[in-house]
Amino acid sequence: MILFCWPAYFVVVDRKTPIMQSFSLARVITKGNEMTTFLMRMLSMGIVLIGFFALCIGIVFAQPLAMLLFACGYLVTSSQLDPKAAPT
């Protein structure tokens, strides 16, 4: 269940919803995107582990990169960003 509540933080900030309502809205956003959510979790864990194993210095760069991955993932799963659109 907690695997599908990751957009709740972004929903509170982006849509200004109450905290308890953000969890149900987060579940609606991730419905149909279960594999994307799973792959994002695995990729972020891999990035953070690589940063940790790089003498713990790499974690300074790896953790913000993983958080950026989730921010972009929220935009894509909530249909605010088209991943196939070409930048202008």
Protein backbone atom coordinates (compact mmCIF):
# COMPACT_ATOMS: atom_id res chain seq x y z
CA MET A 1 0.00 0.00 0.00
CA ILE A 2 2.77 2.44 0.89
CA LEU A 3 4.34 1.73 -2.50
CA PHE A 4 1.47 3.57 -4.18
CA CYS A 5 1.30 6.55 -1.80
CA TRP A 6 4.53 8.19 -2.92
CA PRO A 7 2.78 11.02 -4.88
CA ALA A 8 0.97 12.18 -1.72
CA TYR A 9 3.69 14.74 -0.91
CA PHE A 10 3.51 16.19 -4.40
CA VAL A 11 -0.32 16.25 -4.36
CA VAL A 12 -0.33 18.32 -1.16
CA VAL A 13 2.04 20.87 -2.64
CA ASP A 14 0.80 20.88 -6.23
CA ARG A 15 -2.96 20.68 -5.73
CA LYS A 16 -3.20 22.07 -2.19
CA THR A 17 -5.30 19.15 -0.98
CA PRO A 18 -5.65 18.14 2.69
CA ILE A 19 -3.17 15.51 3.87
CA MET A 20 -5.64 12.65 4.37
CA GLN A 21 -7.29 13.29 1.00
CA SER A 22 -3.90 13.36 -0.71
CA PHE A 23 -3.38 9.65 0.01
CA SER A 24 -6.55 8.63 -1.81
CA LEU A 25 -5.71 10.96 -4.69
CA ALA A 26 -2.19 9.52 -4.81
CA ARG A 27 -3.67 6.04 -5.18
CA VAL A 28 -5.83 7.26 -8.07
CA ILE A 29 -2.76 8.74 -9.76
CA THR A 30 -0.74 5.54 -9.44
CA LYS A 31 -3.61 3.29 -10.55
CA GLY A 32 -2.55 1.86 -13.89
CA ASN A 33 1.07 2.91 -13.27
CA GLU A 34 2.09 0.10 -10.95
CA MET A 35 5.01 -1.03 -13.07
CA THR A 36 6.23 2.54 -13.51
CA THR A 37 6.10 3.01 -9.74
CA PHE A 38 7.99 -0.23 -9.15
CA LEU A 39 10.66 0.64 -11.72
CA MET A 40 11.09 4.13 -10.26
CA ARG A 41 11.61 2.62 -6.80
CA MET A 42 14.19 0.15 -8.11
CA LEU A 43 16.01 2.81 -10.13
CA SER A 44 16.14 5.26 -7.23
CA MET A 45 17.40 2.57 -4.85
CA GLY A 46 20.09 1.66 -7.38
CA ILE A 47 21.16 5.29 -7.81
CA VAL A 48 21.36 5.83 -4.05
CA LEU A 49 23.26 2.57 -3.48
CA ILE A 50 25.80 3.47 -6.15
CA GLY A 51 26.22 6.87 -4.52
CA PHE A 52 26.64 5.22 -1.12
CA PHE A 53 29.23 2.77 -2.38
CA ALA A 54 31.23 5.59 -3.95
CA LEU A 55 32.84 6.25 -0.55
CA CYS A 56 29.62 7.90 0.67
CA ILE A 57 30.60 11.06 -1.21
CA GLY A 58 28.36 10.18 -4.15
CA ILE A 59 25.28 10.18 -1.91
CA VAL A 60 25.43 13.99 -1.95
CA PHE A 61 24.63 13.85 -5.66
CA ALA A 62 22.64 10.60 -5.77
CA GLN A 63 19.90 11.49 -3.28
CA PRO A 64 18.87 14.76 -5.02
CA LEU A 65 18.89 12.90 -8.35
CA ALA A 66 16.57 10.24 -6.93
CA MET A 67 14.22 12.93 -5.59
CA LEU A 68 14.22 14.61 -9.00
CA LEU A 69 13.30 11.24 -10.52
CA PHE A 70 10.20 11.09 -8.31
CA ALA A 71 9.24 14.69 -9.09
CA CYS A 72 9.40 13.97 -12.82
CA GLY A 73 7.57 10.69 -12.24
CA TYR A 74 4.76 12.58 -10.51
CA LEU A 75 4.42 14.95 -13.46
CA VAL A 76 4.28 12.05 -15.92
CA THR A 77 1.85 9.87 -13.93
CA SER A 78 -0.48 12.79 -13.20
CA SER A 79 -0.51 13.66 -16.94
CA GLN A 80 1.02 17.09 -16.45
CA LEU A 81 4.05 16.25 -18.57
CA ASP A 82 4.10 14.36 -21.84
CA PRO A 83 7.26 12.20 -21.95
CA LYS A 84 7.07 11.98 -25.74
CA ALA A 85 6.81 15.72 -26.35
CA ALA A 86 9.83 17.35 -27.90
CA PRO A 87 11.31 20.30 -26.01
CA THR A 88 10.79 23.65 -27.68
